Amino acid sequence: PNLRKHVKRAFNSAARALEVIDSPKHRLRVQLHLEAAKCDAAEDSLIKAAQEVTKAKSLDYVATAAEQAQFRRARPLD
């Protein structure tokens, strides 16, 4: 539990760095925001978790055809 803050900080720093350089790695940013949301939810910070999920959902990413078939969704991380 005490390491969770360090991990969340790393996820947020990585997502912020990708945003600053305008990286096309939107899927990676989505995954980083969702993992940060899990950290927030585990600490009962549901408002922060919801904000991270909103950030993740606002990004546009492309799923592979295999993922779309497996999950039957165009955006399986949503």
C-alpha atoms as a PDB file:
ATOM      1  CA  PRO A   1       0.000   0.000   0.000  1.00  0.00           C
ATOM      2  CA  ASN A   2       2.753   2.513   0.791  1.00  0.00           C
ATOM      3  CA  LEU A   3       4.443   1.770  -2.543  1.00  0.00           C
ATOM      4  CA  ARG A   4       1.231   2.548  -4.406  1.00  0.00           C
ATOM      5  CA  LYS A   5       1.898   6.305  -4.199  1.00  0.00           C
ATOM      6  CA  HIS A   6       5.289   5.861  -5.844  1.00  0.00           C
ATOM      7  CA  VAL A   7       3.845   3.715  -8.620  1.00  0.00           C
ATOM      8  CA  LYS A   8       0.999   6.156  -9.219  1.00  0.00           C
ATOM      9  CA  ARG A   9       3.469   9.035  -9.379  1.00  0.00           C
ATOM     10  CA  ALA A  10       5.464   7.136 -12.012  1.00  0.00           C
ATOM     11  CA  PHE A  11       2.305   6.429 -14.049  1.00  0.00           C
ATOM     12  CA  ASN A  12       1.255  10.086 -13.897  1.00  0.00           C
ATOM     13  CA  SER A  13       4.749  11.319 -14.786  1.00  0.00           C
ATOM     14  CA  ALA A  14       4.924   9.001 -17.775  1.00  0.00           C
ATOM     15  CA  ALA A  15       1.461  10.023 -19.001  1.00  0.00           C
ATOM     16  CA  ARG A  16       2.314  13.703 -18.565  1.00  0.00           C
ATOM     17  CA  ALA A  17       5.615  13.289 -20.434  1.00  0.00           C
ATOM     18  CA  LEU A  18       3.846  11.592 -23.347  1.00  0.00           C
ATOM     19  CA  GLU A  19       1.323  14.428 -23.412  1.00  0.00           C
ATOM     20  CA  VAL A  20       4.013  17.129 -23.363  1.00  0.00           C
ATOM     21  CA  ILE A  21       5.878  15.667 -26.325  1.00  0.00           C
ATOM     22  CA  ASP A  22       2.567  15.117 -28.145  1.00  0.00           C
ATOM     23  CA  SER A  23       3.299  11.423 -28.511  1.00  0.00           C
ATOM     24  CA  PRO A  24       1.105   9.346 -30.821  1.00  0.00           C
ATOM     25  CA  LYS A  25       1.170   6.569 -28.199  1.00  0.00           C
ATOM     26  CA  HIS A  26      -2.412   7.247 -27.107  1.00  0.00           C
ATOM     27  CA  ARG A  27      -3.048   3.651 -26.119  1.00  0.00           C
ATOM     28  CA  LEU A  28      -0.114   3.731 -23.696  1.00  0.00           C
ATOM     29  CA  ARG A  29      -1.434   6.947 -22.177  1.00  0.00           C
ATOM     30  CA  VAL A  30      -4.879   5.353 -21.787  1.00  0.00           C
ATOM     31  CA  GLN A  31      -3.351   2.387 -19.985  1.00  0.00           C
ATOM     32  CA  LEU A  32      -1.285   4.647 -17.708  1.00  0.00           C
ATOM     33  CA  HIS A  33      -4.343   6.691 -16.747  1.00  0.00           C
ATOM     34  CA  LEU A  34      -6.376   3.537 -16.067  1.00  0.00           C
ATOM     35  CA  GLU A  35      -3.649   2.100 -13.841  1.00  0.00           C
ATOM     36  CA  ALA A  36      -3.442   5.402 -11.955  1.00  0.00           C
ATOM     37  CA  ALA A  37      -7.221   5.217 -11.519  1.00  0.00           C
ATOM     38  CA  LYS A  38      -6.863   1.742 -10.011  1.00  0.00           C
ATOM     39  CA  CYS A  39      -4.334   3.110  -7.526  1.00  0.00           C
ATOM     40  CA  ASP A  40      -6.694   5.933  -6.577  1.00  0.00           C
ATOM     41  CA  ALA A  41      -9.640   3.563  -6.208  1.00  0.00           C
ATOM     42  CA  ALA A  42      -7.597   1.260  -3.967  1.00  0.00           C
ATOM     43  CA  GLU A  43      -6.933   4.245  -1.706  1.00  0.00           C
ATOM     44  CA  ASP A  44     -10.664   5.159  -1.722  1.00  0.00           C
ATOM     45  CA  SER A  45      -9.985   8.350  -3.687  1.00  0.00           C
ATOM     46  CA  LEU A  46     -12.936   7.810  -5.979  1.00  0.00           C
ATOM     47  CA  ILE A  47     -13.098  11.374  -7.283  1.00  0.00           C
ATOM     48  CA  LYS A  48      -9.449  11.217  -8.372  1.00  0.00           C
ATOM     49  CA  ALA A  49     -10.062   7.773  -9.874  1.00  0.00           C
ATOM     50  CA  ALA A  50     -13.000   9.124 -11.869  1.00  0.00           C
ATOM     51  CA  GLN A  51     -10.841  11.991 -13.140  1.00  0.00           C
ATOM     52  CA  GLU A  52      -8.188   9.535 -14.346  1.00  0.00           C
ATOM     53  CA  VAL A  53     -10.826   7.427 -16.096  1.00  0.00           C
ATOM     54  CA  THR A  54     -12.193  10.556 -17.774  1.00  0.00           C
ATOM     55  CA  LYS A  55      -8.696  11.428 -19.012  1.00  0.00           C
ATOM     56  CA  ALA A  56      -8.293   7.897 -20.360  1.00  0.00           C
ATOM     57  CA  LYS A  57     -11.651   7.934 -22.137  1.00  0.00           C
ATOM     58  CA  SER A  58     -10.928  11.303 -23.737  1.00  0.00           C
ATOM     59  CA  LEU A  59      -7.954   9.888 -25.646  1.00  0.00           C
ATOM     60  CA  ASP A  60      -8.435   8.316 -29.045  1.00  0.00           C
ATOM     61  CA  TYR A  61      -6.653   5.020 -29.627  1.00  0.00           C
ATOM     62  CA  VAL A  62      -6.871   2.222 -32.161  1.00  0.00           C
ATOM     63  CA  ALA A  63      -7.448  -1.354 -31.064  1.00  0.00           C
ATOM     64  CA  THR A  64      -6.152  -4.253 -33.103  1.00  0.00           C
ATOM     65  CA  ALA A  65      -8.590  -6.399 -35.045  1.00  0.00           C
ATOM     66  CA  ALA A  66      -7.890  -9.311 -32.691  1.00  0.00           C
ATOM     67  CA  GLU A  67      -8.788  -7.197 -29.645  1.00  0.00           C
ATOM     68  CA  GLN A  68     -11.946  -5.959 -31.314  1.00  0.00           C
ATOM     69  CA  ALA A  69     -12.972  -9.526 -32.074  1.00  0.00           C
ATOM     70  CA  GLN A  70     -12.072 -10.808 -28.612  1.00  0.00           C
ATOM     71  CA  PHE A  71     -13.907  -8.106 -26.662  1.00  0.00           C
ATOM     72  CA  ARG A  72     -16.524  -7.308 -29.342  1.00  0.00           C
ATOM     73  CA  ARG A  73     -15.822  -3.606 -28.965  1.00  0.00           C
ATOM     74  CA  ALA A  74     -14.061  -1.025 -31.079  1.00  0.00           C
ATOM     75  CA  ARG A  75     -12.352   0.386 -27.956  1.00  0.00           C
ATOM     76  CA  PRO A  76     -11.883  -2.503 -25.501  1.00  0.00           C
ATOM     77  CA  LEU A  77     -10.165  -0.403 -22.815  1.00  0.00           C
ATOM     78  CA  ASP A  78     -13.256   1.795 -22.354  1.00  0.00           C
END
